[in-house]
Amino acid sequence: MKHAETVTFGGSGLDRAAELRGDADAMAAAAAAPGATTMVLWRGKPLISRGPEGNTDLTRLPLDHPILAEVREAPIFLGREDSGPVFAHDISGWVPAALDPAALNSFFDPSEQHHPSLPDSDSFAELRMIMTRLTARDAELAATSRALLNWHRTHRFCSKCGQESVMSMSGWQRNCPSCGSQHFPRTDPVVIMLITRGNSVLMGRSHGWPAGMYSLLAGFVEPGETLEAAVRREVFEESGIRVGAVEYLASQPWAFPASLMFGCKGEGLSEEVTIDPKEIEDARWFSREEIMLSFSGQHPVLRPARKGAIAEFLLRNWLADRLE
């Protein structure tokens, strides 16, 4: 697919400088470099700056900024930009004043948190709420750091012996001092499918989604399974639709919490939908005209696809006949 890398979180071309990660002297030099900066996250939310013209940028701070006094763990080395090395720090231990836990646990968290050491234009914001307003580079940095920091939070203990492991390789590995095991960041492969039959596309919705929200069917790839087989299995399990030819289109890192979405297209061989109510709440065929109405906000039931997600990317390119 010619436009594959224009998907959100794709196409930045960040130099991750993996050859430096295990070199303590190189890391010390990178941290001391005049152009070294860091991005800061709080509970998975990146720190952003809003400009006077409404632009949204990932905030880059010097490594001696006062906010880093809140840090409890070593930083992660993300790579090199033209301006210098870039790191990520986590200050999740900080507790903002008037924190609303209900907002943090909502389907789309609209709340933003402001640290007193920062300008009023800077705040921590949910990545899904701002991802389409970031540059490709900012989006890649935010997604990478969010995924890595989440992995460190959820994989503190060795899966072989159960002892607590320690961060190594500048944040890209955890080592167990007890049994010597090495652990690496987890990425779960997920297929998401543009299944069409004639002029229609198959869409579904999960339990608990907002009214009118549908998306392309998706599911995790199982061990020993190809992407094509996963597409056919997941679509049949959720909708009862058999799928014929399957083709890969594009991929998207999805750090919610740690997936790589493989966008595929497939041909539906039947029309009658029979859902598994344990898997999804509903699935149905929508015509091309209905998808166009939803994109314009004029469909009576179907909400517009969420901008920034690969489902919206695939649907938009399907409408424009740009899947090749």
Foldseek 3Di string as FASTA:
>chain_A
DVCFQVFQLGDPPFAQPLVCLQPPVSVVCQLVDPLEWEWEAAPLFTKWFADPVGAIEGDTHRPVQPVCVLFDAFWAWRHADPSGTYIYTYNNVDDAPPDDVVLVPDPARQDWGDDPSDDPRITTHHCLVCRVRYDSVRRNVSLVRSQLVVQCVVPQADPPPGHGWGAGSRSQWTADPPPGDIGGRDAWEKEFEQEDEVQKTKWFAAPPDPFQEIFTFMDTADPPGDNVRRVQVRCCQAWVWGWDDKDWFHWHADPPPHYIYTYMYTYTPDAHTDGDVVGGPDMHIDGLVQLVCQCVVNRPGHHHHRPSDVRNVVNVCVNVVNRD
